[in-house]
Amino acid sequence: MSAKFEINIGGETENWHEFLKAVNEKIKKVTSSEDKQMGNFFIKQSVDEKEFCDKVMFYLWSEVGKDNYQTSDAIFKYYVGEEKEPKEFSFNELYNLEQRTEILKGFIRYIKESEA
């Protein structure tokens, strides 16, 4: 039986394995490589917003995002509310705690919807 880890952000939960599948597809698309993809147990338990930022988002920025920032392959994008066009963000913006929850929710939505 596989563990069902969750990402808890702003009172909402996302399935880790669904996010992982979507983000790994995005990583492979923008890097043309599987080397930078995250494994099933990159996290070993459910994580809250801070842990997600500290581990997952930091990894994504340092290994993929910073190299593609402000390019057509940028993965650090998020949806704001019902807007149809995502906005780009930098890792630094995640330190603004007033915006972090909105950015992370919009980022997960962007990753999941861009996979489809």
PDB file of N, CA and C in Angstrom:
ATOM      1  N   MET A   1       0.844  -1.183   0.000  1.00  0.00           N
ATOM      2  CA  MET A   1       0.000   0.000   0.000  1.00  0.00           C
ATOM      3  C   MET A   1       0.888   1.245   0.000  1.00  0.00           C
ATOM      4  N   SER A   2       0.601   2.165  -0.898  1.00  0.00           N
ATOM      5  CA  SER A   2       1.428   3.367  -0.968  1.00  0.00           C
ATOM      6  C   SER A   2       0.894   4.434  -0.015  1.00  0.00           C
ATOM      7  N   ALA A   3       1.810   5.213   0.499  1.00  0.00           N
ATOM      8  CA  ALA A   3       1.434   6.288   1.417  1.00  0.00           C
ATOM      9  C   ALA A   3       0.722   7.392   0.643  1.00  0.00           C
ATOM     10  N   LYS A   4      -0.194   8.071   1.299  1.00  0.00           N
ATOM     11  CA  LYS A   4      -0.934   9.159   0.668  1.00  0.00           C
ATOM     12  C   LYS A   4      -0.524  10.474   1.320  1.00  0.00           C
ATOM     13  N   PHE A   5       0.606  10.970   0.889  1.00  0.00           N
ATOM     14  CA  PHE A   5       1.099  12.225   1.423  1.00  0.00           C
ATOM     15  C   PHE A   5       0.301  13.375   0.841  1.00  0.00           C
ATOM     16  N   GLU A   6       0.165  14.437   1.640  1.00  0.00           N
ATOM     17  CA  GLU A   6      -0.557  15.618   1.193  1.00  0.00           C
ATOM     18  C   GLU A   6       0.285  16.865   1.388  1.00  0.00           C
ATOM     19  N   ILE A   7      -0.034  17.855   0.574  1.00  0.00           N
ATOM     20  CA  ILE A   7       0.536  19.191   0.699  1.00  0.00           C
ATOM     21  C   ILE A   7      -0.578  20.043   1.285  1.00  0.00           C
ATOM     22  N   ASN A   8      -0.347  20.640   2.448  1.00  0.00           N
ATOM     23  CA  ASN A   8      -1.358  21.462   3.121  1.00  0.00           C
ATOM     24  C   ASN A   8      -0.994  22.932   2.979  1.00  0.00           C
ATOM     25  N   ILE A   9      -1.814  23.661   2.224  1.00  0.00           N
ATOM     26  CA  ILE A   9      -1.538  25.071   1.975  1.00  0.00           C
ATOM     27  C   ILE A   9      -2.805  25.876   2.201  1.00  0.00           C
ATOM     28  N   GLY A  10      -2.746  26.790   3.154  1.00  0.00           N
ATOM     29  CA  GLY A  10      -3.863  27.684   3.404  1.00  0.00           C
ATOM     30  C   GLY A  10      -5.176  26.976   3.686  1.00  0.00           C
ATOM     31  N   GLY A  11      -5.120  25.869   4.428  1.00  0.00           N
ATOM     32  CA  GLY A  11      -6.328  25.138   4.775  1.00  0.00           C
ATOM     33  C   GLY A  11      -6.830  24.200   3.689  1.00  0.00           C
ATOM     34  N   GLU A  12      -6.126  24.125   2.576  1.00  0.00           N
ATOM     35  CA  GLU A  12      -6.493  23.217   1.495  1.00  0.00           C
ATOM     36  C   GLU A  12      -5.409  22.158   1.345  1.00  0.00           C
ATOM     37  N   THR A  13      -5.814  20.982   0.893  1.00  0.00           N
ATOM     38  CA  THR A  13      -4.833  19.908   0.701  1.00  0.00           C
ATOM     39  C   THR A  13      -4.769  19.498  -0.762  1.00  0.00           C
ATOM     40  N   GLU A  14      -3.575  19.140  -1.162  1.00  0.00           N
ATOM     41  CA  GLU A  14      -3.318  18.615  -2.500  1.00  0.00           C
ATOM     42  C   GLU A  14      -2.620  17.269  -2.333  1.00  0.00           C
ATOM     43  N   ASN A  15      -2.919  16.343  -3.210  1.00  0.00           N
ATOM     44  CA  ASN A  15      -2.276  15.035  -3.180  1.00  0.00           C
ATOM     45  C   ASN A  15      -0.844  15.174  -3.697  1.00  0.00           C
ATOM     46  N   TRP A  16       0.121  14.734  -2.896  1.00  0.00           N
ATOM     47  CA  TRP A  16       1.533  14.844  -3.260  1.00  0.00           C
ATOM     48  C   TRP A  16       1.827  14.109  -4.562  1.00  0.00           C
ATOM     49  N   HIS A  17       1.324  12.894  -4.714  1.00  0.00           N
ATOM     50  CA  HIS A  17       1.670  12.097  -5.889  1.00  0.00           C
ATOM     51  C   HIS A  17       1.074  12.671  -7.173  1.00  0.00           C
ATOM     52  N   GLU A  18      -0.106  13.279  -7.096  1.00  0.00           N
ATOM     53  CA  GLU A  18      -0.678  13.946  -8.270  1.00  0.00           C
ATOM     54  C   GLU A  18       0.160  15.164  -8.644  1.00  0.00           C
ATOM     55  N   PHE A  19       0.545  15.944  -7.638  1.00  0.00           N
ATOM     56  CA  PHE A  19       1.403  17.101  -7.891  1.00  0.00           C
ATOM     57  C   PHE A  19       2.741  16.646  -8.462  1.00  0.00           C
ATOM     58  N   LEU A  20       3.319  15.609  -7.868  1.00  0.00           N
ATOM     59  CA  LEU A  20       4.620  15.102  -8.299  1.00  0.00           C
ATOM     60  C   LEU A  20       4.594  14.677  -9.764  1.00  0.00           C
ATOM     61  N   LYS A  21       3.571  13.949 -10.150  1.00  0.00           N
ATOM     62  CA  LYS A  21       3.444  13.516 -11.543  1.00  0.00           C
ATOM     63  C   LYS A  21       3.402  14.723 -12.476  1.00  0.00           C
ATOM     64  N   ALA A  22       2.562  15.714 -12.130  1.00  0.00           N
ATOM     65  CA  ALA A  22       2.422  16.899 -12.978  1.00  0.00           C
ATOM     66  C   ALA A  22       3.705  17.718 -13.035  1.00  0.00           C
ATOM     67  N   VAL A  23       4.344  17.940 -11.887  1.00  0.00           N
ATOM     68  CA  VAL A  23       5.550  18.767 -11.872  1.00  0.00           C
ATOM     69  C   VAL A  23       6.707  18.047 -12.566  1.00  0.00           C
ATOM     70  N   ASN A  24       6.795  16.740 -12.442  1.00  0.00           N
ATOM     71  CA  ASN A  24       7.855  16.003 -13.137  1.00  0.00           C
ATOM     72  C   ASN A  24       7.685  16.069 -14.647  1.00  0.00           C
ATOM     73  N   GLU A  25       6.447  16.057 -15.126  1.00  0.00           N
ATOM     74  CA  GLU A  25       6.209  16.230 -16.565  1.00  0.00           C
ATOM     75  C   GLU A  25       6.679  17.602 -17.011  1.00  0.00           C
ATOM     76  N   LYS A  26       6.390  18.602 -16.200  1.00  0.00           N
ATOM     77  CA  LYS A  26       6.808  19.975 -16.516  1.00  0.00           C
ATOM     78  C   LYS A  26       8.333  20.079 -16.504  1.00  0.00           C
ATOM     79  N   ILE A  27       8.971  19.483 -15.503  1.00  0.00           N
ATOM     80  CA  ILE A  27      10.440  19.501 -15.420  1.00  0.00           C
ATOM     81  C   ILE A  27      11.046  18.846 -16.654  1.00  0.00           C
ATOM     82  N   LYS A  28      10.529  17.693 -17.022  1.00  0.00           N
ATOM     83  CA  LYS A  28      11.054  16.976 -18.195  1.00  0.00           C
ATOM     84  C   LYS A  28      10.882  17.809 -19.464  1.00  0.00           C
ATOM     85  N   LYS A  29       9.739  18.473 -19.569  1.00  0.00           N
ATOM     86  CA  LYS A  29       9.470  19.288 -20.759  1.00  0.00           C
ATOM     87  C   LYS A  29      10.445  20.455 -20.879  1.00  0.00           C
ATOM     88  N   VAL A  30      10.692  21.156 -19.783  1.00  0.00           N
ATOM     89  CA  VAL A  30      11.540  22.354 -19.876  1.00  0.00           C
ATOM     90  C   VAL A  30      13.032  22.059 -19.824  1.00  0.00           C
ATOM     91  N   THR A  31      13.423  20.901 -19.259  1.00  0.00           N
ATOM     92  CA  THR A  31      14.856  20.595 -19.178  1.00  0.00           C
ATOM     93  C   THR A  31      15.289  19.545 -20.199  1.00  0.00           C
ATOM     94  N   SER A  32      14.315  18.896 -20.852  1.00  0.00           N
ATOM     95  CA  SER A  32      14.583  17.794 -21.782  1.00  0.00           C
ATOM     96  C   SER A  32      15.396  16.687 -21.107  1.00  0.00           C
ATOM     97  N   SER A  33      15.178  16.517 -19.809  1.00  0.00           N
ATOM     98  CA  SER A  33      15.933  15.532 -19.039  1.00  0.00           C
ATOM     99  C   SER A  33      15.084  15.001 -17.894  1.00  0.00           C
ATOM    100  N   GLU A  34      15.359  13.771 -17.513  1.00  0.00           N
ATOM    101  CA  GLU A  34      14.693  13.197 -16.344  1.00  0.00           C
ATOM    102  C   GLU A  34      15.540  13.360 -15.087  1.00  0.00           C
ATOM    103  N   ASP A  35      16.774  13.810 -15.238  1.00  0.00           N
ATOM    104  CA  ASP A  35      17.706  13.903 -14.109  1.00  0.00           C
ATOM    105  C   ASP A  35      17.246  14.829 -12.989  1.00  0.00           C
ATOM    106  N   LYS A  36      16.514  15.844 -13.317  1.00  0.00           N
ATOM    107  CA  LYS A  36      16.111  16.835 -12.310  1.00  0.00           C
ATOM    108  C   LYS A  36      14.748  16.536 -11.698  1.00  0.00           C
ATOM    109  N   GLN A  37      14.090  15.474 -12.155  1.00  0.00           N
ATOM    110  CA  GLN A  37      12.785  15.125 -11.619  1.00  0.00           C
ATOM    111  C   GLN A  37      12.899  14.671 -10.170  1.00  0.00           C
ATOM    112  N   MET A  38      11.824  14.864  -9.418  1.00  0.00           N
ATOM    113  CA  MET A  38      11.783  14.444  -8.018  1.00  0.00           C
ATOM    114  C   MET A  38      11.219  13.030  -7.931  1.00  0.00           C
ATOM    115  N   GLY A  39      11.705  12.274  -6.963  1.00  0.00           N
ATOM    116  CA  GLY A  39      11.227  10.916  -6.754  1.00  0.00           C
ATOM    117  C   GLY A  39      10.000  10.880  -5.859  1.00  0.00           C
ATOM    118  N   ASN A  40       9.330   9.722  -5.831  1.00  0.00           N
ATOM    119  CA  ASN A  40       8.117   9.550  -5.025  1.00  0.00           C
ATOM    120  C   ASN A  40       8.318   9.929  -3.572  1.00  0.00           C
ATOM    121  N   PHE A  41       9.492   9.678  -3.039  1.00  0.00           N
ATOM    122  CA  PHE A  41       9.730   9.929  -1.625  1.00  0.00           C
ATOM    123  C   PHE A  41      10.637  11.131  -1.399  1.00  0.00           C
ATOM    124  N   PHE A  42      10.548  12.117  -2.315  1.00  0.00           N
ATOM    125  CA  PHE A  42      11.257  13.388  -2.101  1.00  0.00           C
ATOM    126  C   PHE A  42      10.800  13.987  -0.782  1.00  0.00           C
ATOM    127  N   ILE A  43       9.513  13.830  -0.500  1.00  0.00           N
ATOM    128  CA  ILE A  43       9.009  14.112   0.846  1.00  0.00           C
ATOM    129  C   ILE A  43       8.571  12.768   1.416  1.00  0.00           C
ATOM    130  N   LYS A  44       8.711  12.597   2.717  1.00  0.00           N
ATOM    131  CA  LYS A  44       8.436  11.309   3.343  1.00  0.00           C
ATOM    132  C   LYS A  44       7.201  11.325   4.223  1.00  0.00           C
ATOM    133  N   GLN A  45       6.494  12.458   4.204  1.00  0.00           N
ATOM    134  CA  GLN A  45       5.267  12.598   4.986  1.00  0.00           C
ATOM    135  C   GLN A  45       4.512  13.810   4.449  1.00  0.00           C
ATOM    136  N   SER A  46       3.298  13.991   4.901  1.00  0.00           N
ATOM    137  CA  SER A  46       2.549  15.182   4.510  1.00  0.00           C
ATOM    138  C   SER A  46       3.305  16.416   4.979  1.00  0.00           C
ATOM    139  N   VAL A  47       3.194  17.496   4.203  1.00  0.00           N
ATOM    140  CA  VAL A  47       3.928  18.717   4.532  1.00  0.00           C
ATOM    141  C   VAL A  47       2.990  19.915   4.597  1.00  0.00           C
ATOM    142  N   ASP A  48       3.385  20.887   5.411  1.00  0.00           N
ATOM    143  CA  ASP A  48       2.638  22.138   5.465  1.00  0.00           C
ATOM    144  C   ASP A  48       3.282  23.133   4.497  1.00  0.00           C
ATOM    145  N   GLU A  49       2.728  24.305   4.466  1.00  0.00           N
ATOM    146  CA  GLU A  49       3.173  25.347   3.540  1.00  0.00           C
ATOM    147  C   GLU A  49       4.656  25.680   3.692  1.00  0.00           C
ATOM    148  N   LYS A  50       5.108  25.831   4.928  1.00  0.00           N
ATOM    149  CA  LYS A  50       6.512  26.183   5.169  1.00  0.00           C
ATOM    150  C   LYS A  50       7.449  25.069   4.702  1.00  0.00           C
ATOM    151  N   GLU A  51       7.126  23.828   5.050  1.00  0.00           N
ATOM    152  CA  GLU A  51       7.960  22.698   4.622  1.00  0.00           C
ATOM    153  C   GLU A  51       7.967  22.569   3.102  1.00  0.00           C
ATOM    154  N   PHE A  52       6.811  22.780   2.483  1.00  0.00           N
ATOM    155  CA  PHE A  52       6.716  22.709   1.032  1.00  0.00           C
ATOM    156  C   PHE A  52       7.635  23.755   0.398  1.00  0.00           C
ATOM    157  N   CYS A  53       7.614  24.972   0.941  1.00  0.00           N
ATOM    158  CA  CYS A  53       8.500  26.032   0.444  1.00  0.00           C
ATOM    159  C   CYS A  53       9.963  25.683   0.661  1.00  0.00           C
ATOM    160  N   ASP A  54      10.280  25.295   1.901  1.00  0.00           N
ATOM    161  CA  ASP A  54      11.666  25.047   2.274  1.00  0.00           C
ATOM    162  C   ASP A  54      12.296  23.892   1.502  1.00  0.00           C
ATOM    163  N   LYS A  55      11.522  22.878   1.198  1.00  0.00           N
ATOM    164  CA  LYS A  55      12.094  21.708   0.536  1.00  0.00           C
ATOM    165  C   LYS A  55      11.761  21.659  -0.956  1.00  0.00           C
ATOM    166  N   VAL A  56      10.482  21.598  -1.275  1.00  0.00           N
ATOM    167  CA  VAL A  56      10.072  21.386  -2.669  1.00  0.00           C
ATOM    168  C   VAL A  56      10.317  22.624  -3.527  1.00  0.00           C
ATOM    169  N   MET A  57       9.819  23.767  -3.087  1.00  0.00           N
ATOM    170  CA  MET A  57       9.975  24.981  -3.894  1.00  0.00           C
ATOM    171  C   MET A  57      11.443  25.399  -3.991  1.00  0.00           C
ATOM    172  N   PHE A  58      12.192  25.228  -2.901  1.00  0.00           N
ATOM    173  CA  PHE A  58      13.625  25.550  -2.955  1.00  0.00           C
ATOM    174  C   PHE A  58      14.318  24.667  -3.986  1.00  0.00           C
ATOM    175  N   TYR A  59      14.025  23.383  -3.971  1.00  0.00           N
ATOM    176  CA  TYR A  59      14.625  22.465  -4.952  1.00  0.00           C
ATOM    177  C   TYR A  59      14.243  22.876  -6.370  1.00  0.00           C
ATOM    178  N   LEU A  60      12.947  23.112  -6.584  1.00  0.00           N
ATOM    179  CA  LEU A  60      12.492  23.474  -7.929  1.00  0.00           C
ATOM    180  C   LEU A  60      13.152  24.756  -8.423  1.00  0.00           C
ATOM    181  N   TRP A  61      13.296  25.736  -7.525  1.00  0.00           N
ATOM    182  CA  TRP A  61      13.939  26.984  -7.930  1.00  0.00           C
ATOM    183  C   TRP A  61      15.411  26.760  -8.235  1.00  0.00           C
ATOM    184  N   SER A  62      16.121  26.098  -7.339  1.00  0.00           N
ATOM    185  CA  SER A  62      17.572  25.969  -7.514  1.00  0.00           C
ATOM    186  C   SER A  62      17.955  25.031  -8.656  1.00  0.00           C
ATOM    187  N   GLU A  63      17.140  24.032  -8.937  1.00  0.00           N
ATOM    188  CA  GLU A  63      17.488  23.055  -9.966  1.00  0.00           C
ATOM    189  C   GLU A  63      16.816  23.293 -11.318  1.00  0.00           C
ATOM    190  N   VAL A  64      15.709  24.008 -11.340  1.00  0.00           N
ATOM    191  CA  VAL A  64      14.982  24.195 -12.595  1.00  0.00           C
ATOM    192  C   VAL A  64      14.566  25.654 -12.808  1.00  0.00           C
ATOM    193  N   GLY A  65      13.904  26.238 -11.827  1.00  0.00           N
ATOM    194  CA  GLY A  65      13.275  27.543 -11.988  1.00  0.00           C
ATOM    195  C   GLY A  65      14.200  28.694 -12.298  1.00  0.00           C
ATOM    196  N   LYS A  66      15.315  28.779 -11.595  1.00  0.00           N
ATOM    197  CA  LYS A  66      16.191  29.944 -11.791  1.00  0.00           C
ATOM    198  C   LYS A  66      16.792  29.970 -13.196  1.00  0.00           C
ATOM    199  N   ASP A  67      16.996  28.791 -13.783  1.00  0.00           N
ATOM    200  CA  ASP A  67      17.573  28.728 -15.127  1.00  0.00           C
ATOM    201  C   ASP A  67      16.561  29.116 -16.204  1.00  0.00           C
ATOM    202  N   ASN A  68      15.285  29.041 -15.863  1.00  0.00           N
ATOM    203  CA  ASN A  68      14.239  29.336 -16.837  1.00  0.00           C
ATOM    204  C   ASN A  68      13.443  30.590 -16.488  1.00  0.00           C
ATOM    205  N   TYR A  69      13.881  31.304 -15.473  1.00  0.00           N
ATOM    206  CA  TYR A  69      13.163  32.499 -15.031  1.00  0.00           C
ATOM    207  C   TYR A  69      13.130  33.523 -16.157  1.00  0.00           C
ATOM    208  N   GLN A  70      11.968  34.083 -16.403  1.00  0.00           N
ATOM    209  CA  GLN A  70      11.738  35.098 -17.437  1.00  0.00           C
ATOM    210  C   GLN A  70      12.070  34.597 -18.844  1.00  0.00           C
ATOM    211  N   THR A  71      11.827  33.298 -19.068  1.00  0.00           N
ATOM    212  CA  THR A  71      11.932  32.727 -20.415  1.00  0.00           C
ATOM    213  C   THR A  71      10.586  32.087 -20.743  1.00  0.00           C
ATOM    214  N   SER A  72      10.445  31.623 -21.952  1.00  0.00           N
ATOM    215  CA  SER A  72       9.184  30.973 -22.340  1.00  0.00           C
ATOM    216  C   SER A  72       8.999  29.633 -21.624  1.00  0.00           C
ATOM    217  N   ASP A  73      10.070  29.085 -21.071  1.00  0.00           N
ATOM    218  CA  ASP A  73      10.007  27.809 -20.339  1.00  0.00           C
ATOM    219  C   ASP A  73       9.848  27.984 -18.835  1.00  0.00           C
ATOM    220  N   ALA A  74       9.600  29.178 -18.370  1.00  0.00           N
ATOM    221  CA  ALA A  74       9.492  29.432 -16.931  1.00  0.00           C
ATOM    222  C   ALA A  74       8.442  28.529 -16.293  1.00  0.00           C
ATOM    223  N   ILE A  75       8.800  27.905 -15.163  1.00  0.00           N
ATOM    224  CA  ILE A  75       7.823  27.070 -14.454  1.00  0.00           C
ATOM    225  C   ILE A  75       7.300  27.771 -13.202  1.00  0.00           C
ATOM    226  N   PHE A  76       7.941  28.815 -12.766  1.00  0.00           N
ATOM    227  CA  PHE A  76       7.504  29.526 -11.569  1.00  0.00           C
ATOM    228  C   PHE A  76       6.423  30.530 -11.954  1.00  0.00           C
ATOM    229  N   LYS A  77       5.237  29.996 -12.206  1.00  0.00           N
ATOM    230  CA  LYS A  77       4.078  30.792 -12.575  1.00  0.00           C
ATOM    231  C   LYS A  77       2.923  30.382 -11.688  1.00  0.00           C
ATOM    232  N   TYR A  78       1.984  31.292 -11.516  1.00  0.00           N
ATOM    233  CA  TYR A  78       0.809  30.978 -10.708  1.00  0.00           C
ATOM    234  C   TYR A  78      -0.406  31.734 -11.222  1.00  0.00           C
ATOM    235  N   TYR A  79      -1.559  31.142 -10.961  1.00  0.00           N
ATOM    236  CA  TYR A  79      -2.821  31.785 -11.310  1.00  0.00           C
ATOM    237  C   TYR A  79      -3.304  32.591 -10.114  1.00  0.00           C
ATOM    238  N   VAL A  80      -3.827  33.773 -10.390  1.00  0.00           N
ATOM    239  CA  VAL A  80      -4.419  34.620  -9.365  1.00  0.00           C
ATOM    240  C   VAL A  80      -5.925  34.556  -9.565  1.00  0.00           C
ATOM    241  N   GLY A  81      -6.623  34.043  -8.570  1.00  0.00           N
ATOM    242  CA  GLY A  81      -8.079  33.958  -8.659  1.00  0.00           C
ATOM    243  C   GLY A  81      -8.526  33.217  -9.900  1.00  0.00           C
ATOM    244  N   GLU A  82      -9.409  33.833 -10.643  1.00  0.00           N
ATOM    245  CA  GLU A  82      -9.966  33.213 -11.843  1.00  0.00           C
ATOM    246  C   GLU A  82      -9.273  33.665 -13.130  1.00  0.00           C
ATOM    247  N   GLU A  83      -8.169  34.392 -13.001  1.00  0.00           N
ATOM    248  CA  GLU A  83      -7.465  34.860 -14.195  1.00  0.00           C
ATOM    249  C   GLU A  83      -7.039  33.694 -15.060  1.00  0.00           C
ATOM    250  N   LYS A  84      -7.046  33.910 -16.358  1.00  0.00           N
ATOM    251  CA  LYS A  84      -6.705  32.856 -17.318  1.00  0.00           C
ATOM    252  C   LYS A  84      -5.216  32.814 -17.642  1.00  0.00           C
ATOM    253  N   GLU A  85      -4.541  33.936 -17.450  1.00  0.00           N
ATOM    254  CA  GLU A  85      -3.105  34.001 -17.741  1.00  0.00           C
ATOM    255  C   GLU A  85      -2.314  33.966 -16.446  1.00  0.00           C
ATOM    256  N   PRO A  86      -1.376  33.018 -16.326  1.00  0.00           N
ATOM    257  CA  PRO A  86      -0.578  32.953 -15.097  1.00  0.00           C
ATOM    258  C   PRO A  86       0.435  34.091 -15.022  1.00  0.00           C
ATOM    259  N   LYS A  87       0.807  34.437 -13.799  1.00  0.00           N
ATOM    260  CA  LYS A  87       1.835  35.443 -13.546  1.00  0.00           C
ATOM    261  C   LYS A  87       3.113  34.718 -13.119  1.00  0.00           C
ATOM    262  N   GLU A  88       4.242  35.246 -13.517  1.00  0.00           N
ATOM    263  CA  GLU A  88       5.519  34.664 -13.120  1.00  0.00           C
ATOM    264  C   GLU A  88       5.931  35.217 -11.757  1.00  0.00           C
ATOM    265  N   PHE A  89       6.635  34.409 -10.984  1.00  0.00           N
ATOM    266  CA  PHE A  89       7.145  34.852  -9.695  1.00  0.00           C
ATOM    267  C   PHE A  89       8.537  34.286  -9.479  1.00  0.00           C
ATOM    268  N   SER A  90       9.275  34.901  -8.566  1.00  0.00           N
ATOM    269  CA  SER A  90      10.600  34.404  -8.217  1.00  0.00           C
ATOM    270  C   SER A  90      10.529  33.757  -6.835  1.00  0.00           C
ATOM    271  N   PHE A  91      11.503  32.974  -6.513  1.00  0.00           N
ATOM    272  CA  PHE A  91      11.551  32.304  -5.221  1.00  0.00           C
ATOM    273  C   PHE A  91      11.496  33.312  -4.079  1.00  0.00           C
ATOM    274  N   ASN A  92      12.132  34.447  -4.284  1.00  0.00           N
ATOM    275  CA  ASN A  92      12.160  35.506  -3.276  1.00  0.00           C
ATOM    276  C   ASN A  92      10.765  35.939  -2.832  1.00  0.00           C
ATOM    277  N   GLU A  93       9.814  35.925  -3.738  1.00  0.00           N
ATOM    278  CA  GLU A  93       8.454  36.357  -3.419  1.00  0.00           C
ATOM    279  C   GLU A  93       7.774  35.434  -2.413  1.00  0.00           C
ATOM    280  N   LEU A  94       8.280  34.215  -2.261  1.00  0.00           N
ATOM    281  CA  LEU A  94       7.700  33.276  -1.298  1.00  0.00           C
ATOM    282  C   LEU A  94       8.022  33.660   0.139  1.00  0.00           C
ATOM    283  N   TYR A  95       8.944  34.598   0.328  1.00  0.00           N
ATOM    284  CA  TYR A  95       9.260  35.068   1.679  1.00  0.00           C
ATOM    285  C   TYR A  95       8.264  36.108   2.164  1.00  0.00           C
ATOM    286  N   ASN A  96       7.431  36.617   1.257  1.00  0.00           N
ATOM    287  CA  ASN A  96       6.371  37.540   1.644  1.00  0.00           C
ATOM    288  C   ASN A  96       5.202  36.679   2.120  1.00  0.00           C
ATOM    289  N   LEU A  97       5.075  36.527   3.435  1.00  0.00           N
ATOM    290  CA  LEU A  97       4.083  35.605   3.994  1.00  0.00           C
ATOM    291  C   LEU A  97       2.653  36.003   3.651  1.00  0.00           C
ATOM    292  N   GLU A  98       2.431  37.279   3.365  1.00  0.00           N
ATOM    293  CA  GLU A  98       1.083  37.722   2.991  1.00  0.00           C
ATOM    294  C   GLU A  98       0.690  37.229   1.605  1.00  0.00           C
ATOM    295  N   GLN A  99       1.664  36.968   0.754  1.00  0.00           N
ATOM    296  CA  GLN A  99       1.398  36.512  -0.616  1.00  0.00           C
ATOM    297  C   GLN A  99       1.647  35.024  -0.810  1.00  0.00           C
ATOM    298  N   ARG A 100       2.434  34.426   0.059  1.00  0.00           N
ATOM    299  CA  ARG A 100       2.911  33.062  -0.159  1.00  0.00           C
ATOM    300  C   ARG A 100       1.792  32.054  -0.391  1.00  0.00           C
ATOM    301  N   THR A 101       0.758  32.082   0.437  1.00  0.00           N
ATOM    302  CA  THR A 101      -0.321  31.115   0.301  1.00  0.00           C
ATOM    303  C   THR A 101      -0.982  31.224  -1.071  1.00  0.00           C
ATOM    304  N   GLU A 102      -1.293  32.445  -1.479  1.00  0.00           N
ATOM    305  CA  GLU A 102      -1.927  32.658  -2.782  1.00  0.00           C
ATOM    306  C   GLU A 102      -1.018  32.187  -3.919  1.00  0.00           C
ATOM    307  N   ILE A 103       0.266  32.499  -3.826  1.00  0.00           N
ATOM    308  CA  ILE A 103       1.214  32.089  -4.861  1.00  0.00           C
ATOM    309  C   ILE A 103       1.295  30.570  -4.930  1.00  0.00           C
ATOM    310  N   LEU A 104       1.421  29.915  -3.788  1.00  0.00           N
ATOM    311  CA  LEU A 104       1.559  28.454  -3.793  1.00  0.00           C
ATOM    312  C   LEU A 104       0.308  27.755  -4.316  1.00  0.00           C
ATOM    313  N   LYS A 105      -0.856  28.220  -3.900  1.00  0.00           N
ATOM    314  CA  LYS A 105      -2.099  27.628  -4.422  1.00  0.00           C
ATOM    315  C   LYS A 105      -2.174  27.813  -5.938  1.00  0.00           C
ATOM    316  N   GLY A 106      -1.858  29.011  -6.399  1.00  0.00           N
ATOM    317  CA  GLY A 106      -1.884  29.293  -7.833  1.00  0.00           C
ATOM    318  C   GLY A 106      -0.825  28.541  -8.604  1.00  0.00           C
ATOM    319  N   PHE A 107       0.333  28.307  -7.975  1.00  0.00           N
ATOM    320  CA  PHE A 107       1.416  27.544  -8.601  1.00  0.00           C
ATOM    321  C   PHE A 107       0.992  26.089  -8.796  1.00  0.00           C
ATOM    322  N   ILE A 108       0.428  25.492  -7.758  1.00  0.00           N
ATOM    323  CA  ILE A 108      -0.004  24.096  -7.872  1.00  0.00           C
ATOM    324  C   ILE A 108      -1.075  23.975  -8.960  1.00  0.00           C
ATOM    325  N   ARG A 109      -1.999  24.921  -8.982  1.00  0.00           N
ATOM    326  CA  ARG A 109      -3.030  24.916 -10.034  1.00  0.00           C
ATOM    327  C   ARG A 109      -2.381  25.027 -11.417  1.00  0.00           C
ATOM    328  N   TYR A 110      -1.415  25.926 -11.554  1.00  0.00           N
ATOM    329  CA  TYR A 110      -0.725  26.109 -12.833  1.00  0.00           C
ATOM    330  C   TYR A 110      -0.033  24.817 -13.271  1.00  0.00           C
ATOM    331  N   ILE A 111       0.669  24.189 -12.357  1.00  0.00           N
ATOM    332  CA  ILE A 111       1.393  22.959 -12.691  1.00  0.00           C
ATOM    333  C   ILE A 111       0.409  21.866 -13.105  1.00  0.00           C
ATOM    334  N   LYS A 112      -0.644  21.697 -12.357  1.00  0.00           N
ATOM    335  CA  LYS A 112      -1.616  20.652 -12.665  1.00  0.00           C
ATOM    336  C   LYS A 112      -2.366  20.928 -13.969  1.00  0.00           C
ATOM    337  N   GLU A 113      -2.731  22.176 -14.214  1.00  0.00           N
ATOM    338  CA  GLU A 113      -3.484  22.490 -15.432  1.00  0.00           C
ATOM    339  C   GLU A 113      -2.606  22.523 -16.674  1.00  0.00           C
ATOM    340  N   SER A 114      -1.326  22.848 -16.521  1.00  0.00           N
ATOM    341  CA  SER A 114      -0.467  22.901 -17.694  1.00  0.00           C
ATOM    342  C   SER A 114      -0.053  21.501 -18.140  1.00  0.00           C
ATOM    343  N   GLU A 115      -0.262  20.506 -17.277  1.00  0.00           N
ATOM    344  CA  GLU A 115       0.041  19.120 -17.646  1.00  0.00           C
ATOM    345  C   GLU A 115      -1.010  18.599 -18.601  1.00  0.00           C
ATOM    346  N   ALA A 116      -2.239  19.047 -18.417  1.00  0.00           N
ATOM    347  CA  ALA A 116      -3.355  18.527 -19.215  1.00  0.00           C
ATOM    348  C   ALA A 116      -3.226  18.872 -20.693  1.00  0.00           C
TER     349      ALA A 116
END
